[in-house]
Amino acid sequence: MAQGFLTMLREYIRLTEADEILRRYFLINSFDGAMATLGVMSGLRISGSSDMWTVLITCINSSVAMGISGFAGTFLVEKAERERELTDMERELFMDLDDSILGKASRAVTVLSAIIDSLSPLISSMIILLPYMTAPLLGFPAELCFPVSFILAAVLLFILGYYLGKISNRGKIMQYALITTSAGLLVGLMSILWSGMS
């Protein structure tokens, strides 16, 4: 049953040519989630709120809020765009496409876009927060959570940039990877400067 559902979903994505937009949603929001988590973590550290649970709850709340906002916004935007495309096709073909495979594909891809948009920042946030989530279970020193999470964020940003570089297909893989990683390091540098000023 799951295999049949995935096959159908792949067919819907192919029919609507949605693979590129889905990939964009995933990459953009993974990047946003990573940067937001890094910013919140750094901000809490600067303010002196380095308690593991405070960091964990605040960052997760931030990611969930981004996810809910992303789902609602993407769903409405995709719904409007795909309904417009379907209406244009109906006018050209002089027929109702609502119950056609194209109509079903359009609705399915709208929901899938919203799900990907909403889950990607949460996934990237959870990866970065792994030290905070596992520290109590593994007896990991609390003071090491931030630096290890910061390293995880840098690695994640590097991977996202590397993947973007491969997509560009112009031999600029490392350039993309270094740009995304530098953005994360800039957040860290700003944190250090702010803490030095306070």
Protein backbone atom coordinates (compact mmCIF):
# COMPACT_ATOMS: atom_id res chain seq x y z
CA MET A 1 0.00 0.00 0.00
CA ALA A 2 2.81 2.43 0.92
CA GLN A 3 4.63 1.56 -2.31
CA GLY A 4 1.49 2.28 -4.33
CA PHE A 5 1.03 5.62 -2.58
CA LEU A 6 4.64 6.63 -3.29
CA THR A 7 4.30 5.59 -6.95
CA MET A 8 1.14 7.69 -7.25
CA LEU A 9 2.84 10.64 -5.55
CA ARG A 10 5.83 10.41 -7.92
CA GLU A 11 3.41 10.41 -10.85
CA TYR A 12 1.63 13.48 -9.48
CA ILE A 13 4.96 15.28 -9.09
CA ARG A 14 5.91 14.34 -12.66
CA LEU A 15 2.57 15.51 -14.09
CA THR A 16 2.72 18.87 -12.32
CA GLU A 17 6.49 19.26 -12.89
CA ALA A 18 6.78 20.07 -9.19
CA ASP A 19 10.15 18.44 -8.43
CA GLU A 20 12.12 21.69 -8.71
CA ILE A 21 9.74 23.75 -6.56
CA LEU A 22 9.62 21.02 -3.90
CA ARG A 23 13.42 20.92 -3.83
CA ARG A 24 13.54 24.70 -3.48
CA TYR A 25 11.08 24.67 -0.60
CA PHE A 26 13.11 22.02 1.20
CA LEU A 27 16.49 23.74 0.74
CA ILE A 28 15.33 27.29 1.47
CA ASN A 29 13.48 26.34 4.62
CA SER A 30 16.18 23.96 5.84
CA PHE A 31 18.60 26.87 5.54
CA ASP A 32 16.16 29.22 7.31
CA GLY A 33 15.58 26.69 10.08
CA ALA A 34 19.31 26.20 10.62
CA MET A 35 20.00 29.94 10.72
CA ALA A 36 17.04 30.64 13.01
CA THR A 37 18.10 27.91 15.44
CA LEU A 38 21.67 29.14 15.39
CA GLY A 39 20.49 32.70 16.02
CA VAL A 40 18.19 31.73 18.90
CA MET A 41 20.86 29.50 20.49
CA SER A 42 23.46 32.27 20.23
CA GLY A 43 21.03 34.88 21.55
CA LEU A 44 20.20 32.77 24.59
CA ARG A 45 23.87 32.13 25.26
CA ILE A 46 24.66 35.85 25.09
CA SER A 47 21.80 36.67 27.46
CA GLY A 48 23.12 34.09 29.92
CA SER A 49 20.19 31.67 29.43
CA SER A 50 22.27 28.62 28.61
CA ASP A 51 20.08 26.13 30.47
CA MET A 52 19.65 23.10 28.17
CA TRP A 53 15.87 22.92 28.49
CA THR A 54 15.44 26.64 27.90
CA VAL A 55 17.50 26.44 24.70
CA LEU A 56 15.72 23.28 23.56
CA ILE A 57 12.18 24.52 24.19
CA THR A 58 12.83 28.00 22.75
CA CYS A 59 14.47 26.67 19.57
CA ILE A 60 11.81 24.01 19.02
CA ASN A 61 9.03 26.56 19.58
CA SER A 62 10.70 28.84 17.04
CA SER A 63 10.94 25.99 14.49
CA VAL A 64 7.33 24.91 15.07
CA ALA A 65 6.17 28.51 14.59
CA MET A 66 8.16 28.68 11.35
CA GLY A 67 6.62 25.36 10.31
CA ILE A 68 3.02 26.44 10.97
CA SER A 69 3.61 29.74 9.19
CA GLY A 70 5.31 27.92 6.30
CA PHE A 71 2.50 25.40 5.94
CA ALA A 72 -0.24 28.03 5.86
CA GLY A 73 1.63 30.41 3.56
CA THR A 74 2.82 27.77 1.12
CA PHE A 75 -0.54 26.01 1.02
CA LEU A 76 -2.37 29.23 0.13
CA VAL A 77 0.23 30.36 -2.43
CA GLU A 78 0.47 26.95 -4.12
CA LYS A 79 -3.31 26.51 -4.08
CA ALA A 80 -3.84 29.87 -5.78
CA GLU A 81 -1.08 29.27 -8.37
CA ARG A 82 -2.16 25.73 -9.24
CA GLU A 83 -5.84 26.65 -9.41
CA ARG A 84 -4.93 29.43 -11.84
CA GLU A 85 -2.93 26.98 -14.00
CA LEU A 86 -5.79 24.48 -13.94
CA THR A 87 -8.34 27.19 -14.86
CA ASP A 88 -6.16 28.29 -17.80
CA MET A 89 -5.95 24.70 -19.03
CA GLU A 90 -9.72 24.24 -18.65
CA ARG A 91 -10.31 27.30 -20.82
CA GLU A 92 -8.00 25.96 -23.51
CA LEU A 93 -9.50 22.45 -23.45
CA PHE A 94 -13.14 23.50 -22.83
CA MET A 95 -13.55 20.93 -20.07
CA ASP A 96 -13.63 20.60 -16.28
CA LEU A 97 -10.36 19.14 -14.94
CA ASP A 98 -11.24 19.08 -11.22
CA ASP A 99 -11.81 15.31 -11.10
CA SER A 100 -9.12 14.48 -13.67
CA ILE A 101 -5.73 13.05 -12.72
CA LEU A 102 -4.29 16.51 -13.32
CA GLY A 103 -6.74 18.06 -10.85
CA LYS A 104 -5.93 15.41 -8.24
CA ALA A 105 -2.19 15.84 -8.88
CA SER A 106 -2.50 19.60 -8.47
CA ARG A 107 -4.25 19.26 -5.10
CA ALA A 108 -1.83 16.58 -3.86
CA VAL A 109 1.25 18.61 -4.80
CA THR A 110 -0.21 21.67 -3.07
CA VAL A 111 -0.46 19.73 0.20
CA LEU A 112 2.96 18.09 -0.32
CA SER A 113 4.58 21.51 -0.90
CA ALA A 114 3.09 22.82 2.33
CA ILE A 115 4.26 19.73 4.28
CA ILE A 116 7.82 19.99 2.93
CA ASP A 117 7.90 23.72 3.61
CA SER A 118 6.74 23.20 7.20
CA LEU A 119 8.87 20.16 8.12
CA SER A 120 12.22 21.23 6.66
CA PRO A 121 13.03 23.94 9.25
CA LEU A 122 12.03 21.56 12.05
CA ILE A 123 14.29 18.81 10.68
CA SER A 124 17.32 21.11 10.37
CA SER A 125 16.63 22.49 13.84
CA MET A 126 16.46 18.99 15.36
CA ILE A 127 19.80 18.05 13.77
CA ILE A 128 21.47 21.10 15.30
CA LEU A 129 19.82 20.51 18.69
CA LEU A 130 20.96 16.87 18.93
CA PRO A 131 23.51 17.62 21.67
CA TYR A 132 20.83 19.36 23.77
CA MET A 133 18.39 16.48 23.24
CA THR A 134 20.86 13.68 23.99
CA ALA A 135 22.98 15.31 26.71
CA PRO A 136 20.76 14.23 29.65
CA LEU A 137 20.61 10.65 28.35
CA LEU A 138 24.31 10.29 27.56
CA GLY A 139 25.66 12.30 30.46
CA PHE A 140 27.08 14.82 27.98
CA PRO A 141 28.48 17.95 29.74
CA ALA A 142 25.99 20.80 29.39
CA GLU A 143 28.72 23.34 28.65
CA LEU A 144 29.67 21.43 25.48
CA CYS A 145 26.15 21.51 24.00
CA PHE A 146 26.49 24.93 22.40
CA PRO A 147 29.89 24.43 20.70
CA VAL A 148 28.92 20.97 19.40
CA SER A 149 25.56 22.30 18.16
CA PHE A 150 27.39 25.18 16.50
CA ILE A 151 29.67 22.70 14.70
CA LEU A 152 26.64 20.64 13.62
CA ALA A 153 25.02 23.82 12.26
CA ALA A 154 28.17 24.67 10.29
CA VAL A 155 28.32 21.12 8.87
CA LEU A 156 24.63 21.21 7.94
CA LEU A 157 25.01 24.60 6.25
CA PHE A 158 28.06 23.31 4.37
CA ILE A 159 26.09 20.26 3.14
CA LEU A 160 23.17 22.44 2.02
CA GLY A 161 25.55 24.75 0.17
CA TYR A 162 27.37 21.79 -1.37
CA TYR A 163 24.07 20.41 -2.64
CA LEU A 164 23.07 23.82 -4.04
CA GLY A 165 26.42 23.98 -5.82
CA LYS A 166 25.77 20.58 -7.41
CA ILE A 167 22.32 21.71 -8.54
CA SER A 168 23.79 24.81 -10.20
CA ASN A 169 25.87 22.47 -12.39
CA ARG A 170 28.44 25.20 -12.98
CA GLY A 171 31.41 23.84 -11.07
CA LYS A 172 30.87 26.17 -8.10
CA ILE A 173 30.19 23.52 -5.47
CA MET A 174 32.72 24.76 -2.92
CA GLN A 175 31.76 28.38 -3.52
CA TYR A 176 28.15 27.66 -2.57
CA ALA A 177 29.22 25.52 0.39
CA LEU A 178 31.53 28.24 1.72
CA ILE A 179 28.87 30.96 1.32
CA THR A 180 26.26 29.04 3.32
CA THR A 181 28.80 28.06 5.98
CA SER A 182 30.06 31.65 6.21
CA ALA A 183 26.51 32.83 6.87
CA GLY A 184 26.40 30.57 9.94
CA LEU A 185 29.85 31.67 11.09
CA LEU A 186 28.74 35.28 10.74
CA VAL A 187 25.93 34.61 13.21
CA GLY A 188 28.50 33.13 15.60
CA LEU A 189 30.84 36.10 15.14
CA MET A 190 28.01 38.53 15.80
CA SER A 191 27.25 36.60 19.00
CA ILE A 192 30.85 36.91 20.18
CA LEU A 193 30.89 40.65 19.40
CA TRP A 194 27.59 41.21 21.22
CA SER A 195 28.77 39.25 24.25
CA GLY A 196 31.98 41.30 24.28
CA MET A 197 29.98 44.51 24.27
CA SER A 198 27.61 43.43 27.04
